[in-house]
Amino acid sequence: MLSAAAEPPAAPQAMSFSAVNGLGLALVIPAAQSLVADYYEEKSRGGAFGLLFGVSSLGAPLYAETEERACTDG
């Protein structure tokens, strides 16, 4: 799958998809933060934000590990 995205004809498509994905994240992340700020009381808001950012920062390394295993196994 990665080799198909690296071929020259598919590179613009991969870059376009990446740009659309980035725009989507630019909308989702502030919305999630707004929901946390609205629905948690002031005392527990810090813990909720910590959990939100902790889980989101664990996602990238877990995805990278899963992707690496999927590419080397198959």
N, C-alpha and C. Protein backbone atom coordinates (compact mmCIF):
# COMPACT_ATOMS: atom_id res chain seq x y z
N MET A 1 0.82 -1.19 0.00
CA MET A 1 0.00 0.00 0.00
C MET A 1 0.86 1.25 0.00
N LEU A 2 1.91 1.25 0.79
CA LEU A 2 2.79 2.41 0.83
C LEU A 2 3.52 2.59 -0.48
N SER A 3 3.88 1.49 -1.16
CA SER A 3 4.58 1.61 -2.43
C SER A 3 3.68 2.22 -3.50
N ALA A 4 2.38 1.96 -3.43
CA ALA A 4 1.46 2.54 -4.40
C ALA A 4 1.35 4.05 -4.22
N ALA A 5 1.42 4.52 -2.98
CA ALA A 5 1.33 5.96 -2.74
C ALA A 5 2.62 6.67 -3.14
N ALA A 6 3.72 5.94 -3.23
CA ALA A 6 5.01 6.56 -3.55
C ALA A 6 5.22 6.69 -5.05
N GLU A 7 4.42 6.03 -5.86
CA GLU A 7 4.57 6.14 -7.30
C GLU A 7 4.19 7.55 -7.75
N PRO A 8 4.88 8.09 -8.74
CA PRO A 8 4.64 9.47 -9.16
C PRO A 8 3.20 9.83 -9.51
N PRO A 9 2.43 8.99 -10.23
CA PRO A 9 1.05 9.41 -10.53
C PRO A 9 0.16 9.50 -9.30
N ALA A 10 0.46 8.72 -8.26
CA ALA A 10 -0.38 8.72 -7.06
C ALA A 10 0.04 9.77 -6.04
N ALA A 11 1.22 10.36 -6.21
CA ALA A 11 1.70 11.33 -5.23
C ALA A 11 0.77 12.53 -5.06
N PRO A 12 0.28 13.15 -6.13
CA PRO A 12 -0.66 14.27 -5.92
C PRO A 12 -1.94 13.85 -5.21
N GLN A 13 -2.42 12.64 -5.50
CA GLN A 13 -3.61 12.15 -4.81
C GLN A 13 -3.34 11.96 -3.33
N ALA A 14 -2.17 11.42 -2.99
CA ALA A 14 -1.82 11.22 -1.59
C ALA A 14 -1.68 12.56 -0.87
N MET A 15 -1.09 13.54 -1.54
CA MET A 15 -0.95 14.87 -0.93
C MET A 15 -2.30 15.53 -0.75
N SER A 16 -3.20 15.34 -1.70
CA SER A 16 -4.55 15.91 -1.58
C SER A 16 -5.29 15.28 -0.42
N PHE A 17 -5.19 13.95 -0.29
CA PHE A 17 -5.84 13.26 0.81
C PHE A 17 -5.28 13.73 2.15
N SER A 18 -3.98 13.91 2.20
CA SER A 18 -3.34 14.38 3.43
C SER A 18 -3.83 15.79 3.80
N ALA A 19 -4.00 16.64 2.81
CA ALA A 19 -4.49 17.99 3.08
C ALA A 19 -5.92 17.97 3.59
N VAL A 20 -6.77 17.14 3.00
CA VAL A 20 -8.16 17.03 3.45
C VAL A 20 -8.20 16.46 4.87
N ASN A 21 -7.35 15.48 5.15
CA ASN A 21 -7.28 14.91 6.48
C ASN A 21 -6.85 15.97 7.50
N GLY A 22 -5.89 16.79 7.15
CA GLY A 22 -5.45 17.87 8.04
C GLY A 22 -6.55 18.88 8.30
N LEU A 23 -7.31 19.21 7.28
CA LEU A 23 -8.43 20.14 7.47
C LEU A 23 -9.48 19.54 8.39
N GLY A 24 -9.73 18.26 8.24
CA GLY A 24 -10.69 17.60 9.11
C GLY A 24 -10.24 17.62 10.57
N LEU A 25 -8.96 17.35 10.79
CA LEU A 25 -8.44 17.41 12.16
C LEU A 25 -8.48 18.83 12.71
N ALA A 26 -8.28 19.80 11.85
CA ALA A 26 -8.34 21.18 12.30
C ALA A 26 -9.74 21.55 12.79
N LEU A 27 -10.75 20.85 12.34
CA LEU A 27 -12.12 21.09 12.80
C LEU A 27 -12.48 20.23 14.01
N VAL A 28 -11.97 19.00 14.07
CA VAL A 28 -12.36 18.07 15.12
C VAL A 28 -11.71 18.41 16.45
N ILE A 29 -10.44 18.74 16.45
CA ILE A 29 -9.72 18.97 17.70
C ILE A 29 -10.31 20.14 18.49
N PRO A 30 -10.55 21.31 17.90
CA PRO A 30 -11.18 22.38 18.69
C PRO A 30 -12.59 22.03 19.15
N ALA A 31 -13.32 21.25 18.36
CA ALA A 31 -14.66 20.84 18.77
C ALA A 31 -14.60 19.95 20.00
N ALA A 32 -13.65 19.03 20.03
CA ALA A 32 -13.49 18.15 21.20
C ALA A 32 -13.10 18.95 22.43
N GLN A 33 -12.21 19.91 22.26
CA GLN A 33 -11.81 20.75 23.39
C GLN A 33 -12.99 21.58 23.89
N SER A 34 -13.80 22.06 22.99
CA SER A 34 -14.96 22.85 23.37
C SER A 34 -15.97 22.00 24.16
N LEU A 35 -16.16 20.76 23.73
CA LEU A 35 -17.07 19.88 24.44
C LEU A 35 -16.57 19.59 25.85
N VAL A 36 -15.27 19.36 25.99
CA VAL A 36 -14.71 19.13 27.32
C VAL A 36 -14.91 20.36 28.20
N ALA A 37 -14.65 21.53 27.64
CA ALA A 37 -14.79 22.76 28.42
C ALA A 37 -16.25 23.01 28.81
N ASP A 38 -17.18 22.62 27.96
CA ASP A 38 -18.60 22.86 28.25
C ASP A 38 -19.19 21.86 29.24
N TYR A 39 -18.80 20.61 29.15
CA TYR A 39 -19.48 19.57 29.91
C TYR A 39 -18.81 19.17 31.21
N TYR A 40 -17.59 19.61 31.47
CA TYR A 40 -16.92 19.27 32.72
C TYR A 40 -16.90 20.49 33.64
N GLU A 41 -17.11 20.23 34.91
CA GLU A 41 -17.06 21.32 35.88
C GLU A 41 -15.62 21.79 36.03
N GLU A 42 -15.47 22.98 36.58
CA GLU A 42 -14.16 23.61 36.68
C GLU A 42 -13.16 22.74 37.44
N LYS A 43 -13.62 22.06 38.48
CA LYS A 43 -12.71 21.25 39.29
C LYS A 43 -12.15 20.05 38.54
N SER A 44 -12.95 19.44 37.70
CA SER A 44 -12.50 18.23 37.00
C SER A 44 -12.07 18.49 35.55
N ARG A 45 -12.11 19.73 35.11
CA ARG A 45 -11.78 20.06 33.73
C ARG A 45 -10.32 19.76 33.39
N GLY A 46 -9.42 20.03 34.34
CA GLY A 46 -8.00 19.78 34.09
C GLY A 46 -7.72 18.31 33.84
N GLY A 47 -8.35 17.44 34.63
CA GLY A 47 -8.19 16.00 34.43
C GLY A 47 -8.76 15.55 33.11
N ALA A 48 -9.88 16.13 32.72
CA ALA A 48 -10.51 15.76 31.44
C ALA A 48 -9.63 16.18 30.27
N PHE A 49 -9.05 17.38 30.35
CA PHE A 49 -8.14 17.82 29.29
C PHE A 49 -6.88 16.96 29.28
N GLY A 50 -6.38 16.59 30.45
CA GLY A 50 -5.21 15.72 30.52
C GLY A 50 -5.47 14.38 29.88
N LEU A 51 -6.64 13.82 30.13
CA LEU A 51 -7.00 12.54 29.52
C LEU A 51 -7.15 12.69 28.01
N LEU A 52 -7.79 13.76 27.57
CA LEU A 52 -7.97 14.01 26.14
C LEU A 52 -6.63 14.11 25.43
N PHE A 53 -5.72 14.92 25.96
CA PHE A 53 -4.43 15.11 25.31
C PHE A 53 -3.55 13.87 25.46
N GLY A 54 -3.66 13.17 26.58
CA GLY A 54 -2.88 11.95 26.77
C GLY A 54 -3.26 10.87 25.77
N VAL A 55 -4.55 10.67 25.60
CA VAL A 55 -5.02 9.66 24.65
C VAL A 55 -4.65 10.07 23.22
N SER A 56 -4.80 11.35 22.90
CA SER A 56 -4.48 11.77 21.53
C SER A 56 -2.98 11.68 21.25
N SER A 57 -2.13 11.90 22.25
CA SER A 57 -0.70 11.80 21.99
C SER A 57 -0.22 10.36 21.97
N LEU A 58 -1.00 9.42 22.51
CA LEU A 58 -0.64 8.01 22.39
C LEU A 58 -1.07 7.43 21.05
N GLY A 59 -1.98 8.08 20.37
CA GLY A 59 -2.49 7.56 19.11
C GLY A 59 -1.44 7.47 18.02
N ALA A 60 -0.60 8.47 17.88
CA ALA A 60 0.40 8.47 16.80
C ALA A 60 1.41 7.34 16.94
N PRO A 61 2.03 7.14 18.11
CA PRO A 61 2.97 6.02 18.21
C PRO A 61 2.31 4.65 18.06
N LEU A 62 1.09 4.50 18.57
CA LEU A 62 0.40 3.23 18.42
C LEU A 62 0.06 2.96 16.96
N TYR A 63 -0.35 4.01 16.24
CA TYR A 63 -0.64 3.85 14.81
C TYR A 63 0.63 3.49 14.06
N ALA A 64 1.73 4.17 14.37
CA ALA A 64 2.99 3.89 13.68
C ALA A 64 3.44 2.45 13.92
N GLU A 65 3.32 1.97 15.13
CA GLU A 65 3.70 0.58 15.45
C GLU A 65 2.80 -0.40 14.71
N THR A 66 1.51 -0.14 14.69
CA THR A 66 0.57 -1.02 14.00
C THR A 66 0.84 -1.03 12.49
N GLU A 67 1.10 0.12 11.94
CA GLU A 67 1.39 0.23 10.51
C GLU A 67 2.67 -0.52 10.17
N GLU A 68 3.68 -0.36 11.00
CA GLU A 68 4.95 -1.03 10.75
C GLU A 68 4.78 -2.55 10.78
N ARG A 69 4.04 -3.04 11.75
CA ARG A 69 3.81 -4.50 11.83
C ARG A 69 2.99 -4.99 10.64
N ALA A 70 2.01 -4.22 10.23
CA ALA A 70 1.17 -4.63 9.10
C ALA A 70 1.98 -4.67 7.81
N CYS A 71 2.91 -3.74 7.65
CA CYS A 71 3.70 -3.70 6.42
C CYS A 71 4.77 -4.78 6.39
N THR A 72 5.33 -5.13 7.54
CA THR A 72 6.38 -6.14 7.55
C THR A 72 5.82 -7.56 7.57
N ASP A 73 4.61 -7.75 8.09
CA ASP A 73 4.02 -9.08 8.15
C ASP A 73 3.39 -9.51 6.82
N GLY A 74 2.92 -8.54 6.07
CA GLY A 74 2.17 -8.92 4.87
C GLY A 74 2.86 -8.49 3.68
